[in-house]
Amino acid sequence: MALLKKKTSIPAIIGIVLVALAIAGYSYAHWSEYIKVRGEVKTGELGAAIVTWFCNDAGKDPGYTKDVAQCECWIDEQDPHYAYVTIKNAYPSYEVRFTCDIENTGTIPWFMLTPKVNGLTLVDGEWVDFDLDGDGKPDVNIMYIDGEGKQVHPGKFVEWSLRIHVKQTATPGSTYTFTLSVEVVQWNMVE
């Protein structure tokens, strides 16, 4: 009989375990619930545009009594991150100041980095030489003034200037054109 008891107790144990598992599963199913959370994150936009410009050569050459050279500028209509400056009929020591405003057209504040001329980064407060006609000699030097490191909020402007000086090595009667570009970075990414 002892042998018979062992054989009947195994199915009983399996049955008890199955009932216990069924009760535990039923209890777990009633104690848990799935929750779905949906969210939307809308980020701000970083936007800037060169919107106005001014050149201090509006007739008589700055510092002189004659109207010889001309300074012209235009903003790229397709991409207002770029402006173009042309110096016509310049002569050695002709110097002009170019000033422009950049508007924050985005939804987050930004800082303006140092502008570039023909892709070369200018140095704030220092003259940088440029060979604009490709003859291997610098024709003009340009100094960047103002603007860098200023935080600009949406809808506001920052003004900055360039001093453009024609060097002795410039070719007489030449026209020099160069491209200005500006990069801005969001306010919390400035190192």
N, C-alpha and C. Protein backbone atom coordinates (compact mmCIF):
# COMPACT_ATOMS: atom_id res chain seq x y z
N MET A 1 0.79 -1.19 0.00
CA MET A 1 0.00 0.00 0.00
C MET A 1 0.84 1.26 0.00
N ALA A 2 1.96 1.14 0.63
CA ALA A 2 2.83 2.31 0.65
C ALA A 2 3.24 2.69 -0.76
N LEU A 3 3.38 1.71 -1.61
CA LEU A 3 3.74 1.96 -2.99
C LEU A 3 2.63 2.67 -3.73
N LEU A 4 1.43 2.33 -3.47
CA LEU A 4 0.26 2.92 -4.11
C LEU A 4 0.09 4.37 -3.68
N LYS A 5 0.41 4.68 -2.46
CA LYS A 5 0.29 6.04 -1.97
C LYS A 5 1.23 6.99 -2.70
N LYS A 6 2.43 6.54 -3.01
CA LYS A 6 3.40 7.38 -3.70
C LYS A 6 2.91 7.72 -5.10
N LYS A 7 2.28 6.79 -5.80
CA LYS A 7 1.82 7.03 -7.16
C LYS A 7 0.63 7.99 -7.18
N THR A 8 -0.22 7.96 -6.20
CA THR A 8 -1.38 8.85 -6.20
C THR A 8 -1.01 10.25 -5.71
N SER A 9 0.05 10.38 -4.95
CA SER A 9 0.42 11.70 -4.44
C SER A 9 1.05 12.58 -5.52
N ILE A 10 1.70 12.05 -6.52
CA ILE A 10 2.32 12.84 -7.60
C ILE A 10 1.24 13.55 -8.41
N PRO A 11 0.19 12.85 -8.87
CA PRO A 11 -0.86 13.58 -9.59
C PRO A 11 -1.56 14.60 -8.70
N ALA A 12 -1.66 14.33 -7.43
CA ALA A 12 -2.30 15.27 -6.52
C ALA A 12 -1.44 16.52 -6.37
N ILE A 13 -0.13 16.32 -6.28
CA ILE A 13 0.78 17.48 -6.17
C ILE A 13 0.73 18.31 -7.45
N ILE A 14 0.73 17.65 -8.59
CA ILE A 14 0.65 18.37 -9.87
C ILE A 14 -0.66 19.13 -9.94
N GLY A 15 -1.74 18.53 -9.52
CA GLY A 15 -3.05 19.20 -9.52
C GLY A 15 -3.06 20.40 -8.61
N ILE A 16 -2.46 20.26 -7.42
CA ILE A 16 -2.43 21.38 -6.47
C ILE A 16 -1.59 22.52 -7.04
N VAL A 17 -0.44 22.17 -7.66
CA VAL A 17 0.42 23.19 -8.26
C VAL A 17 -0.31 23.91 -9.38
N LEU A 18 -1.04 23.16 -10.23
CA LEU A 18 -1.78 23.78 -11.32
C LEU A 18 -2.87 24.71 -10.80
N VAL A 19 -3.57 24.28 -9.75
CA VAL A 19 -4.61 25.13 -9.17
C VAL A 19 -3.97 26.38 -8.57
N ALA A 20 -2.82 26.22 -7.89
CA ALA A 20 -2.13 27.37 -7.30
C ALA A 20 -1.67 28.35 -8.38
N LEU A 21 -1.13 27.80 -9.49
CA LEU A 21 -0.72 28.66 -10.59
C LEU A 21 -1.90 29.37 -11.23
N ALA A 22 -3.02 28.69 -11.36
CA ALA A 22 -4.21 29.31 -11.93
C ALA A 22 -4.70 30.45 -11.04
N ILE A 23 -4.68 30.22 -9.73
CA ILE A 23 -5.11 31.26 -8.79
C ILE A 23 -4.15 32.44 -8.84
N ALA A 24 -2.83 32.16 -8.89
CA ALA A 24 -1.82 33.22 -8.96
C ALA A 24 -1.97 34.00 -10.27
N GLY A 25 -2.18 33.31 -11.38
CA GLY A 25 -2.36 33.98 -12.67
C GLY A 25 -3.60 34.84 -12.68
N TYR A 26 -4.68 34.33 -12.13
CA TYR A 26 -5.94 35.07 -12.05
C TYR A 26 -5.75 36.33 -11.18
N SER A 27 -5.06 36.13 -10.05
CA SER A 27 -4.81 37.26 -9.15
C SER A 27 -3.92 38.30 -9.82
N TYR A 28 -2.88 37.86 -10.53
CA TYR A 28 -1.96 38.78 -11.20
C TYR A 28 -2.70 39.56 -12.29
N ALA A 29 -3.56 38.86 -13.01
CA ALA A 29 -4.32 39.52 -14.07
C ALA A 29 -5.21 40.60 -13.50
N HIS A 30 -5.68 40.45 -12.32
CA HIS A 30 -6.53 41.47 -11.71
C HIS A 30 -5.74 42.54 -10.98
N TRP A 31 -4.46 42.31 -10.77
CA TRP A 31 -3.64 43.29 -10.08
C TRP A 31 -2.81 44.14 -11.03
N SER A 32 -2.78 43.87 -12.29
CA SER A 32 -1.96 44.65 -13.22
C SER A 32 -2.84 45.26 -14.29
N GLU A 33 -2.31 46.33 -14.86
CA GLU A 33 -3.04 47.03 -15.89
C GLU A 33 -2.02 47.72 -16.79
N TYR A 34 -2.30 47.77 -18.06
CA TYR A 34 -1.41 48.45 -19.00
C TYR A 34 -1.85 49.89 -19.14
N ILE A 35 -0.88 50.77 -19.07
CA ILE A 35 -1.15 52.19 -19.25
C ILE A 35 -0.31 52.66 -20.43
N LYS A 36 -0.94 53.31 -21.39
CA LYS A 36 -0.23 53.86 -22.53
C LYS A 36 -0.19 55.38 -22.37
N VAL A 37 0.99 55.92 -22.53
CA VAL A 37 1.16 57.36 -22.43
C VAL A 37 1.64 57.87 -23.78
N ARG A 38 0.97 58.87 -24.30
CA ARG A 38 1.39 59.49 -25.55
C ARG A 38 1.77 60.92 -25.23
N GLY A 39 2.83 61.37 -25.84
CA GLY A 39 3.28 62.73 -25.60
C GLY A 39 3.78 63.35 -26.89
N GLU A 40 3.87 64.64 -26.87
CA GLU A 40 4.39 65.37 -28.02
C GLU A 40 5.37 66.40 -27.52
N VAL A 41 6.52 66.46 -28.15
CA VAL A 41 7.53 67.44 -27.80
C VAL A 41 7.73 68.32 -29.02
N LYS A 42 7.58 69.60 -28.84
CA LYS A 42 7.79 70.53 -29.94
C LYS A 42 9.02 71.36 -29.60
N THR A 43 10.04 71.25 -30.46
CA THR A 43 11.27 71.99 -30.22
C THR A 43 11.19 73.37 -30.84
N GLY A 44 12.03 74.25 -30.38
CA GLY A 44 12.09 75.60 -30.94
C GLY A 44 12.84 75.61 -32.26
N GLU A 45 12.78 76.73 -32.94
CA GLU A 45 13.47 76.88 -34.21
C GLU A 45 14.58 77.90 -34.07
N LEU A 46 15.73 77.57 -34.65
CA LEU A 46 16.86 78.48 -34.70
C LEU A 46 16.80 79.17 -36.05
N GLY A 47 16.65 80.48 -36.05
CA GLY A 47 16.55 81.20 -37.31
C GLY A 47 17.19 82.58 -37.23
N ALA A 48 17.88 82.95 -38.31
CA ALA A 48 18.52 84.27 -38.37
C ALA A 48 18.54 84.73 -39.81
N ALA A 49 18.52 86.03 -40.00
CA ALA A 49 18.58 86.59 -41.34
C ALA A 49 19.23 87.96 -41.28
N ILE A 50 20.11 88.24 -42.25
CA ILE A 50 20.64 89.59 -42.41
C ILE A 50 19.51 90.40 -43.03
N VAL A 51 19.09 91.46 -42.36
CA VAL A 51 17.89 92.17 -42.81
C VAL A 51 18.16 93.59 -43.30
N THR A 52 19.17 94.26 -42.80
CA THR A 52 19.50 95.61 -43.27
C THR A 52 21.00 95.78 -43.35
N TRP A 53 21.43 96.73 -44.15
CA TRP A 53 22.85 97.05 -44.25
C TRP A 53 23.02 98.53 -44.49
N PHE A 54 24.21 99.02 -44.18
CA PHE A 54 24.53 100.42 -44.38
C PHE A 54 26.03 100.51 -44.67
N CYS A 55 26.38 101.36 -45.60
CA CYS A 55 27.78 101.63 -45.90
C CYS A 55 28.00 103.13 -45.73
N ASN A 56 29.06 103.53 -45.05
CA ASN A 56 29.25 104.95 -44.75
C ASN A 56 29.79 105.75 -45.94
N ASP A 57 29.89 105.14 -47.11
CA ASP A 57 30.26 105.87 -48.33
C ASP A 57 28.98 106.19 -49.08
N ALA A 58 28.36 107.31 -48.74
CA ALA A 58 27.10 107.71 -49.37
C ALA A 58 27.33 108.94 -50.24
N GLY A 59 28.40 108.96 -50.96
CA GLY A 59 28.73 110.12 -51.80
C GLY A 59 30.23 110.35 -51.73
N LYS A 60 30.62 111.39 -51.00
CA LYS A 60 32.05 111.66 -50.84
C LYS A 60 32.69 110.52 -50.06
N ASP A 61 33.87 110.13 -50.51
CA ASP A 61 34.58 109.04 -49.84
C ASP A 61 34.87 109.43 -48.39
N PRO A 62 34.65 108.52 -47.45
CA PRO A 62 34.87 108.83 -46.03
C PRO A 62 36.30 109.34 -45.79
N GLY A 63 36.41 110.54 -45.19
CA GLY A 63 37.70 111.13 -44.89
C GLY A 63 38.30 111.93 -46.03
N TYR A 64 37.60 112.01 -47.16
CA TYR A 64 38.10 112.74 -48.32
C TYR A 64 37.04 113.71 -48.82
N THR A 65 37.43 114.59 -49.76
CA THR A 65 36.49 115.58 -50.30
C THR A 65 35.99 115.20 -51.69
N LYS A 66 36.40 114.08 -52.21
CA LYS A 66 35.98 113.66 -53.55
C LYS A 66 35.18 112.36 -53.49
N ASP A 67 34.33 112.17 -54.50
CA ASP A 67 33.56 110.93 -54.63
C ASP A 67 34.21 110.11 -55.74
N VAL A 68 35.08 109.19 -55.34
CA VAL A 68 35.81 108.38 -56.32
C VAL A 68 35.36 106.93 -56.24
N ALA A 69 35.52 106.31 -55.09
CA ALA A 69 35.18 104.89 -54.91
C ALA A 69 33.72 104.74 -54.49
N GLN A 70 33.23 103.52 -54.62
CA GLN A 70 31.85 103.21 -54.21
C GLN A 70 31.83 101.90 -53.42
N CYS A 71 30.94 101.84 -52.47
CA CYS A 71 30.70 100.61 -51.71
C CYS A 71 29.23 100.24 -51.91
N GLU A 72 29.00 99.02 -52.38
CA GLU A 72 27.64 98.54 -52.57
C GLU A 72 27.46 97.23 -51.83
N CYS A 73 26.25 96.96 -51.43
CA CYS A 73 25.95 95.71 -50.73
C CYS A 73 24.57 95.24 -51.13
N TRP A 74 24.39 93.95 -51.13
CA TRP A 74 23.06 93.37 -51.29
C TRP A 74 22.99 92.08 -50.50
N ILE A 75 21.78 91.78 -50.06
CA ILE A 75 21.52 90.58 -49.26
C ILE A 75 20.96 89.52 -50.19
N ASP A 76 21.44 88.29 -50.03
CA ASP A 76 20.97 87.18 -50.85
C ASP A 76 19.48 86.94 -50.56
N GLU A 77 18.64 87.09 -51.57
CA GLU A 77 17.20 86.92 -51.38
C GLU A 77 16.82 85.47 -51.11
N GLN A 78 17.57 84.52 -51.67
CA GLN A 78 17.27 83.10 -51.48
C GLN A 78 17.76 82.59 -50.12
N ASP A 79 18.87 83.13 -49.64
CA ASP A 79 19.44 82.70 -48.37
C ASP A 79 19.99 83.92 -47.63
N PRO A 80 19.17 84.54 -46.77
CA PRO A 80 19.59 85.77 -46.11
C PRO A 80 20.65 85.59 -45.02
N HIS A 81 21.34 84.45 -45.03
CA HIS A 81 22.51 84.28 -44.17
C HIS A 81 23.75 84.87 -44.86
N TYR A 82 23.59 85.29 -46.11
CA TYR A 82 24.71 85.79 -46.91
C TYR A 82 24.41 87.21 -47.39
N ALA A 83 25.46 88.03 -47.39
CA ALA A 83 25.41 89.36 -48.00
C ALA A 83 26.66 89.49 -48.86
N TYR A 84 26.57 90.33 -49.86
CA TYR A 84 27.69 90.54 -50.78
C TYR A 84 28.06 92.01 -50.77
N VAL A 85 29.36 92.27 -50.74
CA VAL A 85 29.86 93.64 -50.74
C VAL A 85 30.76 93.81 -51.95
N THR A 86 30.55 94.92 -52.68
CA THR A 86 31.38 95.26 -53.83
C THR A 86 31.99 96.63 -53.60
N ILE A 87 33.29 96.70 -53.80
CA ILE A 87 34.03 97.96 -53.74
C ILE A 87 34.45 98.27 -55.18
N LYS A 88 34.00 99.42 -55.71
CA LYS A 88 34.30 99.80 -57.09
C LYS A 88 35.22 101.01 -57.11
N ASN A 89 36.11 101.00 -58.08
CA ASN A 89 37.01 102.13 -58.34
C ASN A 89 37.78 102.54 -57.09
N ALA A 90 38.17 101.56 -56.31
CA ALA A 90 38.88 101.83 -55.06
C ALA A 90 40.33 102.22 -55.34
N TYR A 91 40.94 102.83 -54.37
CA TYR A 91 42.33 103.27 -54.46
C TYR A 91 42.99 102.96 -53.12
N PRO A 92 44.32 102.89 -53.07
CA PRO A 92 45.01 102.60 -51.81
C PRO A 92 44.60 103.57 -50.70
N SER A 93 44.36 103.01 -49.55
CA SER A 93 43.96 103.71 -48.32
C SER A 93 42.48 104.09 -48.28
N TYR A 94 41.72 103.74 -49.31
CA TYR A 94 40.27 103.93 -49.23
C TYR A 94 39.77 103.03 -48.12
N GLU A 95 39.01 103.59 -47.21
CA GLU A 95 38.48 102.80 -46.10
C GLU A 95 37.00 103.13 -45.92
N VAL A 96 36.23 102.09 -45.75
CA VAL A 96 34.80 102.22 -45.61
C VAL A 96 34.32 101.32 -44.47
N ARG A 97 33.22 101.71 -43.87
CA ARG A 97 32.64 100.89 -42.79
C ARG A 97 31.31 100.34 -43.27
N PHE A 98 31.17 99.04 -43.17
CA PHE A 98 29.95 98.33 -43.55
C PHE A 98 29.28 97.87 -42.25
N THR A 99 27.99 98.17 -42.11
CA THR A 99 27.25 97.78 -40.91
C THR A 99 25.97 97.06 -41.34
N CYS A 100 25.61 96.02 -40.62
CA CYS A 100 24.35 95.34 -40.93
C CYS A 100 23.67 94.87 -39.65
N ASP A 101 22.39 94.57 -39.80
CA ASP A 101 21.59 94.04 -38.69
C ASP A 101 21.20 92.62 -39.02
N ILE A 102 21.27 91.76 -38.01
CA ILE A 102 20.81 90.38 -38.15
C ILE A 102 19.66 90.20 -37.18
N GLU A 103 18.54 89.69 -37.71
CA GLU A 103 17.34 89.50 -36.90
C GLU A 103 17.22 88.03 -36.49
N ASN A 104 16.78 87.82 -35.25
CA ASN A 104 16.45 86.47 -34.80
C ASN A 104 15.05 86.16 -35.31
N THR A 105 14.98 85.33 -36.35
CA THR A 105 13.70 84.98 -36.97
C THR A 105 13.15 83.66 -36.43
N GLY A 106 13.82 83.08 -35.46
CA GLY A 106 13.39 81.81 -34.88
C GLY A 106 12.56 82.01 -33.63
N THR A 107 12.49 80.93 -32.83
CA THR A 107 11.69 80.96 -31.60
C THR A 107 12.54 80.78 -30.35
N ILE A 108 13.86 80.65 -30.51
CA ILE A 108 14.76 80.50 -29.36
C ILE A 108 15.89 81.52 -29.46
N PRO A 109 16.46 81.95 -28.33
CA PRO A 109 17.58 82.88 -28.37
C PRO A 109 18.81 82.23 -28.98
N TRP A 110 19.69 83.07 -29.54
CA TRP A 110 20.95 82.57 -30.07
C TRP A 110 22.06 83.59 -29.85
N PHE A 111 23.29 83.09 -30.06
CA PHE A 111 24.48 83.93 -30.05
C PHE A 111 25.06 83.95 -31.45
N MET A 112 25.55 85.10 -31.87
CA MET A 112 26.20 85.21 -33.16
C MET A 112 27.67 84.87 -33.01
N LEU A 113 28.17 84.02 -33.90
CA LEU A 113 29.60 83.73 -33.94
C LEU A 113 30.27 84.73 -34.87
N THR A 114 31.58 84.71 -34.91
CA THR A 114 32.31 85.65 -35.75
C THR A 114 31.97 85.43 -37.21
N PRO A 115 31.68 86.50 -37.95
CA PRO A 115 31.33 86.34 -39.37
C PRO A 115 32.51 85.86 -40.20
N LYS A 116 32.18 85.44 -41.42
CA LYS A 116 33.20 84.95 -42.35
C LYS A 116 33.15 85.79 -43.62
N VAL A 117 34.30 85.97 -44.21
CA VAL A 117 34.42 86.61 -45.52
C VAL A 117 35.01 85.58 -46.46
N ASN A 118 34.27 85.29 -47.52
CA ASN A 118 34.68 84.25 -48.48
C ASN A 118 35.05 82.95 -47.78
N GLY A 119 34.34 82.63 -46.71
CA GLY A 119 34.54 81.38 -45.98
C GLY A 119 35.62 81.43 -44.91
N LEU A 120 36.37 82.53 -44.82
CA LEU A 120 37.44 82.66 -43.83
C LEU A 120 36.91 83.43 -42.61
N THR A 121 37.07 82.84 -41.43
CA THR A 121 36.58 83.46 -40.19
C THR A 121 37.40 84.69 -39.85
N LEU A 122 36.70 85.78 -39.58
CA LEU A 122 37.37 87.01 -39.16
C LEU A 122 37.73 86.92 -37.68
N VAL A 123 38.61 87.81 -37.25
CA VAL A 123 39.02 87.87 -35.86
C VAL A 123 38.54 89.22 -35.31
N ASP A 124 37.79 89.19 -34.24
CA ASP A 124 37.21 90.41 -33.67
C ASP A 124 38.32 91.39 -33.30
N GLY A 125 38.26 92.58 -33.90
CA GLY A 125 39.22 93.65 -33.57
C GLY A 125 40.57 93.52 -34.23
N GLU A 126 40.76 92.60 -35.17
CA GLU A 126 42.06 92.44 -35.84
C GLU A 126 41.87 92.50 -37.36
N TRP A 127 42.85 93.09 -38.04
CA TRP A 127 42.82 93.15 -39.49
C TRP A 127 43.18 91.79 -40.08
N VAL A 128 42.42 91.38 -41.10
CA VAL A 128 42.69 90.13 -41.82
C VAL A 128 42.83 90.49 -43.29
N ASP A 129 43.93 90.04 -43.92
CA ASP A 129 44.20 90.33 -45.33
C ASP A 129 43.44 89.38 -46.25
N PHE A 130 43.01 89.94 -47.41
CA PHE A 130 42.31 89.13 -48.42
C PHE A 130 42.85 89.47 -49.80
N ASP A 131 43.15 88.44 -50.56
CA ASP A 131 43.52 88.56 -51.97
C ASP A 131 42.26 88.29 -52.77
N LEU A 132 41.58 89.33 -53.20
CA LEU A 132 40.28 89.17 -53.85
C LEU A 132 40.38 89.02 -55.36
N ASP A 133 41.54 89.37 -55.95
CA ASP A 133 41.66 89.22 -57.41
C ASP A 133 42.56 88.05 -57.82
N GLY A 134 43.08 87.31 -56.84
CA GLY A 134 43.85 86.09 -57.13
C GLY A 134 45.25 86.33 -57.65
N ASP A 135 45.82 87.53 -57.46
CA ASP A 135 47.17 87.78 -57.96
C ASP A 135 48.26 87.45 -56.93
N GLY A 136 47.86 86.90 -55.79
CA GLY A 136 48.83 86.51 -54.77
C GLY A 136 49.18 87.62 -53.80
N LYS A 137 48.66 88.83 -54.01
CA LYS A 137 48.92 89.95 -53.11
C LYS A 137 47.61 90.37 -52.45
N PRO A 138 47.64 90.70 -51.17
CA PRO A 138 46.40 91.13 -50.51
C PRO A 138 45.91 92.46 -51.07
N ASP A 139 44.62 92.51 -51.39
CA ASP A 139 44.01 93.72 -51.95
C ASP A 139 43.35 94.57 -50.88
N VAL A 140 42.72 93.90 -49.93
CA VAL A 140 42.04 94.61 -48.84
C VAL A 140 42.33 93.88 -47.54
N ASN A 141 42.19 94.61 -46.46
CA ASN A 141 42.13 93.94 -45.16
C ASN A 141 40.84 94.39 -44.49
N ILE A 142 40.31 93.47 -43.69
CA ILE A 142 38.98 93.66 -43.11
C ILE A 142 39.06 93.39 -41.61
N MET A 143 38.42 94.28 -40.85
CA MET A 143 38.35 94.11 -39.40
C MET A 143 36.88 94.00 -39.00
N TYR A 144 36.60 93.00 -38.21
CA TYR A 144 35.26 92.80 -37.66
C TYR A 144 35.14 93.54 -36.34
N ILE A 145 34.01 94.23 -36.16
CA ILE A 145 33.78 95.00 -34.93
C ILE A 145 32.36 94.71 -34.44
N ASP A 146 32.20 94.47 -33.16
CA ASP A 146 30.88 94.35 -32.52
C ASP A 146 30.19 93.02 -32.83
N GLY A 147 29.09 92.81 -32.12
CA GLY A 147 28.17 91.72 -32.42
C GLY A 147 28.46 90.39 -31.77
N GLU A 148 29.70 89.96 -31.76
CA GLU A 148 30.00 88.61 -31.28
C GLU A 148 29.73 88.50 -29.79
N GLY A 149 29.16 87.36 -29.40
CA GLY A 149 28.92 87.08 -27.99
C GLY A 149 27.67 87.73 -27.42
N LYS A 150 26.87 88.36 -28.27
CA LYS A 150 25.63 88.98 -27.79
C LYS A 150 24.48 88.00 -27.97
N GLN A 151 23.72 87.80 -26.91
CA GLN A 151 22.54 86.93 -27.00
C GLN A 151 21.39 87.73 -27.59
N VAL A 152 20.74 87.13 -28.60
CA VAL A 152 19.66 87.82 -29.30
C VAL A 152 18.39 86.98 -29.17
N HIS A 153 17.34 87.61 -28.68
CA HIS A 153 16.07 86.92 -28.46
C HIS A 153 15.18 87.01 -29.70
N PRO A 154 14.20 86.12 -29.83
CA PRO A 154 13.32 86.12 -31.01
C PRO A 154 12.72 87.51 -31.28
N GLY A 155 12.78 87.90 -32.56
CA GLY A 155 12.24 89.19 -32.97
C GLY A 155 13.16 90.37 -32.74
N LYS A 156 14.31 90.16 -32.11
CA LYS A 156 15.27 91.23 -31.84
C LYS A 156 16.42 91.19 -32.85
N PHE A 157 17.26 92.23 -32.83
CA PHE A 157 18.35 92.39 -33.79
C PHE A 157 19.68 92.52 -33.08
N VAL A 158 20.75 92.23 -33.81
CA VAL A 158 22.10 92.56 -33.37
C VAL A 158 22.76 93.29 -34.53
N GLU A 159 23.47 94.37 -34.20
CA GLU A 159 24.18 95.15 -35.22
C GLU A 159 25.67 94.83 -35.12
N TRP A 160 26.30 94.69 -36.25
CA TRP A 160 27.75 94.47 -36.28
C TRP A 160 28.33 95.17 -37.49
N SER A 161 29.62 95.40 -37.46
CA SER A 161 30.27 96.19 -38.50
C SER A 161 31.57 95.56 -38.97
N LEU A 162 31.95 95.96 -40.19
CA LEU A 162 33.24 95.62 -40.76
C LEU A 162 33.91 96.92 -41.19
N ARG A 163 35.19 97.02 -40.92
CA ARG A 163 36.00 98.09 -41.52
C ARG A 163 36.74 97.46 -42.68
N ILE A 164 36.61 98.06 -43.85
CA ILE A 164 37.23 97.53 -45.06
C ILE A 164 38.25 98.56 -45.54
N HIS A 165 39.51 98.15 -45.65
CA HIS A 165 40.61 99.03 -46.03
C HIS A 165 41.28 98.49 -47.28
N VAL A 166 41.40 99.33 -48.30
CA VAL A 166 42.09 98.93 -49.54
C VAL A 166 43.58 99.15 -49.34
N LYS A 167 44.36 98.11 -49.65
CA LYS A 167 45.80 98.14 -49.41
C LYS A 167 46.57 98.74 -50.59
N GLN A 168 47.83 99.06 -50.36
CA GLN A 168 48.71 99.62 -51.40
C GLN A 168 48.89 98.65 -52.57
N THR A 169 48.78 97.35 -52.30
CA THR A 169 49.00 96.35 -53.35
C THR A 169 47.77 96.10 -54.21
N ALA A 170 46.68 96.82 -53.97
CA ALA A 170 45.46 96.66 -54.77
C ALA A 170 45.72 97.15 -56.20
N THR A 171 45.08 96.50 -57.15
CA THR A 171 45.22 96.88 -58.55
C THR A 171 44.35 98.10 -58.83
N PRO A 172 44.91 99.17 -59.39
CA PRO A 172 44.12 100.38 -59.67
C PRO A 172 42.94 100.08 -60.60
N GLY A 173 41.82 100.76 -60.35
CA GLY A 173 40.64 100.63 -61.19
C GLY A 173 39.90 99.32 -61.06
N SER A 174 40.21 98.53 -60.06
CA SER A 174 39.58 97.21 -59.91
C SER A 174 38.28 97.29 -59.14
N THR A 175 37.48 96.26 -59.34
CA THR A 175 36.26 96.07 -58.57
C THR A 175 36.45 94.80 -57.74
N TYR A 176 36.22 94.91 -56.45
CA TYR A 176 36.40 93.78 -55.55
C TYR A 176 35.05 93.42 -54.93
N THR A 177 34.69 92.15 -55.02
CA THR A 177 33.45 91.66 -54.42
C THR A 177 33.78 90.50 -53.49
N PHE A 178 33.14 90.48 -52.34
CA PHE A 178 33.33 89.36 -51.42
C PHE A 178 32.01 89.02 -50.76
N THR A 179 31.95 87.81 -50.21
CA THR A 179 30.74 87.28 -49.59
C THR A 179 30.89 87.30 -48.08
N LEU A 180 29.87 87.80 -47.40
CA LEU A 180 29.82 87.76 -45.93
C LEU A 180 28.83 86.68 -45.53
N SER A 181 29.19 85.90 -44.53
CA SER A 181 28.25 84.92 -43.98
C SER A 181 28.34 84.96 -42.46
N VAL A 182 27.25 84.60 -41.83
CA VAL A 182 27.17 84.66 -40.38
C VAL A 182 26.59 83.35 -39.87
N GLU A 183 27.17 82.84 -38.80
CA GLU A 183 26.65 81.63 -38.15
C GLU A 183 26.16 82.00 -36.76
N VAL A 184 25.01 81.45 -36.40
CA VAL A 184 24.49 81.64 -35.05
C VAL A 184 24.32 80.27 -34.40
N VAL A 185 24.43 80.23 -33.07
CA VAL A 185 24.23 78.99 -32.32
C VAL A 185 23.22 79.24 -31.21
N GLN A 186 22.45 78.22 -30.89
CA GLN A 186 21.43 78.40 -29.86
C GLN A 186 22.09 78.78 -28.55
N TRP A 187 21.37 79.51 -27.75
CA TRP A 187 21.88 80.16 -26.54
C TRP A 187 22.56 79.22 -25.56
N ASN A 188 22.15 77.97 -25.47
CA ASN A 188 22.73 77.06 -24.48
C ASN A 188 23.85 76.20 -25.05
N MET A 189 24.28 76.47 -26.27
CA MET A 189 25.34 75.67 -26.89
C MET A 189 26.66 76.43 -27.04
N VAL A 190 26.74 77.62 -26.49
CA VAL A 190 27.96 78.43 -26.57
C VAL A 190 28.95 77.93 -25.54
N GLU A 191 30.16 77.69 -25.99
CA GLU A 191 31.19 77.19 -25.06
C GLU A 191 32.03 78.32 -24.54
